[in-house]
N, C-alpha and C. Protein backbone atom coordinates (compact mmCIF):
# COMPACT_ATOMS: atom_id res chain seq x y z
N MET A 1 -28.44 14.99 -17.82
CA MET A 1 -28.02 15.97 -16.85
C MET A 1 -26.67 16.58 -17.25
N ILE A 2 -25.76 15.73 -17.71
CA ILE A 2 -24.45 16.22 -18.12
C ILE A 2 -24.60 17.14 -19.33
N ALA A 3 -25.51 16.81 -20.23
CA ALA A 3 -25.74 17.67 -21.40
C ALA A 3 -26.24 19.04 -20.97
N LEU A 4 -27.07 19.06 -19.94
CA LEU A 4 -27.57 20.34 -19.43
C LEU A 4 -26.44 21.17 -18.85
N VAL A 5 -25.55 20.54 -18.10
CA VAL A 5 -24.40 21.25 -17.53
C VAL A 5 -23.51 21.78 -18.64
N ALA A 6 -23.28 20.97 -19.65
CA ALA A 6 -22.44 21.39 -20.78
C ALA A 6 -23.08 22.56 -21.52
N ALA A 7 -24.40 22.52 -21.70
CA ALA A 7 -25.09 23.62 -22.39
C ALA A 7 -24.96 24.92 -21.60
N PHE A 8 -25.13 24.84 -20.29
CA PHE A 8 -24.99 26.05 -19.47
C PHE A 8 -23.55 26.56 -19.46
N ALA A 9 -22.59 25.66 -19.46
CA ALA A 9 -21.18 26.08 -19.50
C ALA A 9 -20.87 26.79 -20.81
N LEU A 10 -21.36 26.22 -21.93
CA LEU A 10 -21.13 26.87 -23.23
C LEU A 10 -21.82 28.23 -23.30
N LEU A 11 -23.04 28.29 -22.80
CA LEU A 11 -23.75 29.56 -22.78
C LEU A 11 -23.01 30.57 -21.90
N GLY A 12 -22.50 30.08 -20.78
CA GLY A 12 -21.77 30.96 -19.87
C GLY A 12 -20.46 31.47 -20.43
N LEU A 13 -19.87 30.72 -21.37
CA LEU A 13 -18.64 31.19 -21.98
C LEU A 13 -18.86 32.50 -22.74
N PHE A 14 -20.03 32.67 -23.29
CA PHE A 14 -20.31 33.85 -24.09
C PHE A 14 -21.01 34.95 -23.30
N THR A 15 -21.77 34.57 -22.30
CA THR A 15 -22.47 35.55 -21.48
C THR A 15 -22.38 35.12 -20.02
N GLY A 16 -22.45 36.06 -19.14
CA GLY A 16 -22.47 35.74 -17.72
C GLY A 16 -21.12 35.78 -17.06
N THR A 17 -21.08 35.25 -15.89
CA THR A 17 -19.89 35.31 -15.05
C THR A 17 -18.73 34.53 -15.64
N VAL A 18 -19.01 33.44 -16.30
CA VAL A 18 -17.94 32.60 -16.83
C VAL A 18 -17.11 33.34 -17.88
N ALA A 19 -17.69 34.34 -18.52
CA ALA A 19 -16.96 35.10 -19.54
C ALA A 19 -15.84 35.95 -18.94
N HIS A 20 -15.86 36.14 -17.63
CA HIS A 20 -14.87 37.01 -16.99
C HIS A 20 -13.70 36.24 -16.39
N ILE A 21 -13.71 34.92 -16.49
CA ILE A 21 -12.59 34.12 -16.00
C ILE A 21 -11.98 33.36 -17.17
N PRO A 22 -10.73 32.91 -17.03
CA PRO A 22 -10.09 32.21 -18.14
C PRO A 22 -10.84 30.92 -18.52
N PRO A 23 -10.79 30.54 -19.79
CA PRO A 23 -11.48 29.32 -20.23
C PRO A 23 -11.03 28.07 -19.47
N ALA A 24 -9.75 27.99 -19.11
CA ALA A 24 -9.27 26.83 -18.37
C ALA A 24 -9.96 26.72 -17.02
N ALA A 25 -10.20 27.85 -16.37
CA ALA A 25 -10.90 27.83 -15.09
C ALA A 25 -12.36 27.42 -15.27
N SER A 26 -12.97 27.85 -16.36
CA SER A 26 -14.34 27.45 -16.65
C SER A 26 -14.45 25.95 -16.86
N VAL A 27 -13.50 25.38 -17.61
CA VAL A 27 -13.51 23.95 -17.86
C VAL A 27 -13.26 23.19 -16.56
N ALA A 28 -12.35 23.68 -15.74
CA ALA A 28 -12.07 23.03 -14.46
C ALA A 28 -13.31 23.06 -13.56
N ALA A 29 -13.97 24.20 -13.50
CA ALA A 29 -15.18 24.30 -12.68
C ALA A 29 -16.28 23.39 -13.21
N GLY A 30 -16.41 23.31 -14.52
CA GLY A 30 -17.38 22.40 -15.12
C GLY A 30 -17.08 20.95 -14.80
N GLY A 31 -15.80 20.61 -14.81
CA GLY A 31 -15.40 19.25 -14.45
C GLY A 31 -15.72 18.91 -13.00
N VAL A 32 -15.48 19.87 -12.12
CA VAL A 32 -15.79 19.66 -10.70
C VAL A 32 -17.30 19.47 -10.53
N ILE A 33 -18.09 20.28 -11.20
CA ILE A 33 -19.54 20.17 -11.09
C ILE A 33 -20.01 18.83 -11.66
N ALA A 34 -19.44 18.41 -12.79
CA ALA A 34 -19.82 17.13 -13.39
C ALA A 34 -19.48 15.97 -12.47
N CYS A 35 -18.31 16.01 -11.83
CA CYS A 35 -17.93 14.96 -10.88
C CYS A 35 -18.87 14.94 -9.69
N TRP A 36 -19.21 16.11 -9.20
CA TRP A 36 -20.12 16.20 -8.06
C TRP A 36 -21.49 15.61 -8.42
N LEU A 37 -21.99 15.93 -9.61
CA LEU A 37 -23.27 15.38 -10.05
C LEU A 37 -23.20 13.86 -10.20
N ALA A 38 -22.07 13.35 -10.67
CA ALA A 38 -21.91 11.91 -10.81
C ALA A 38 -21.91 11.23 -9.45
N VAL A 39 -21.23 11.82 -8.47
CA VAL A 39 -21.20 11.26 -7.12
C VAL A 39 -22.60 11.25 -6.53
N VAL A 40 -23.33 12.33 -6.67
CA VAL A 40 -24.69 12.40 -6.15
C VAL A 40 -25.58 11.36 -6.84
N ALA A 41 -25.43 11.19 -8.15
CA ALA A 41 -26.23 10.22 -8.88
C ALA A 41 -25.95 8.80 -8.38
N VAL A 42 -24.68 8.47 -8.16
CA VAL A 42 -24.33 7.14 -7.67
C VAL A 42 -24.89 6.93 -6.27
N ARG A 43 -24.76 7.92 -5.42
CA ARG A 43 -25.28 7.79 -4.05
C ARG A 43 -26.79 7.59 -4.05
N GLU A 44 -27.50 8.36 -4.86
CA GLU A 44 -28.95 8.25 -4.92
C GLU A 44 -29.38 6.91 -5.51
N ARG A 45 -28.64 6.44 -6.49
CA ARG A 45 -28.98 5.16 -7.11
C ARG A 45 -28.78 4.02 -6.11
N ARG A 46 -27.73 4.10 -5.31
CA ARG A 46 -27.48 3.06 -4.30
C ARG A 46 -28.56 3.06 -3.23
N ARG A 47 -29.11 4.22 -2.92
CA ARG A 47 -30.16 4.30 -1.93
C ARG A 47 -31.51 3.80 -2.46
N GLY A 48 -31.60 3.65 -3.78
CA GLY A 48 -32.81 3.12 -4.38
C GLY A 48 -33.90 4.16 -4.56
N LEU A 49 -33.53 5.42 -4.66
CA LEU A 49 -34.54 6.46 -4.83
C LEU A 49 -34.93 6.66 -6.28
N TRP A 50 -34.15 6.11 -7.21
CA TRP A 50 -34.48 6.26 -8.63
C TRP A 50 -35.33 5.08 -9.05
N TRP A 51 -36.36 5.32 -9.79
CA TRP A 51 -37.26 4.25 -10.23
C TRP A 51 -36.68 3.64 -11.43
């Protein structure tokens, strides 16, 4: 999942909305999204929804 986020962030650096903001903001936004995904993964794993 993290690799997918990284791939989209790299793609976005060259095309899309991310190209219109500074690279530092793109990296910060990617970090926030990665942390959010990690929190969701931990919560779901604790609930036992993952096989």
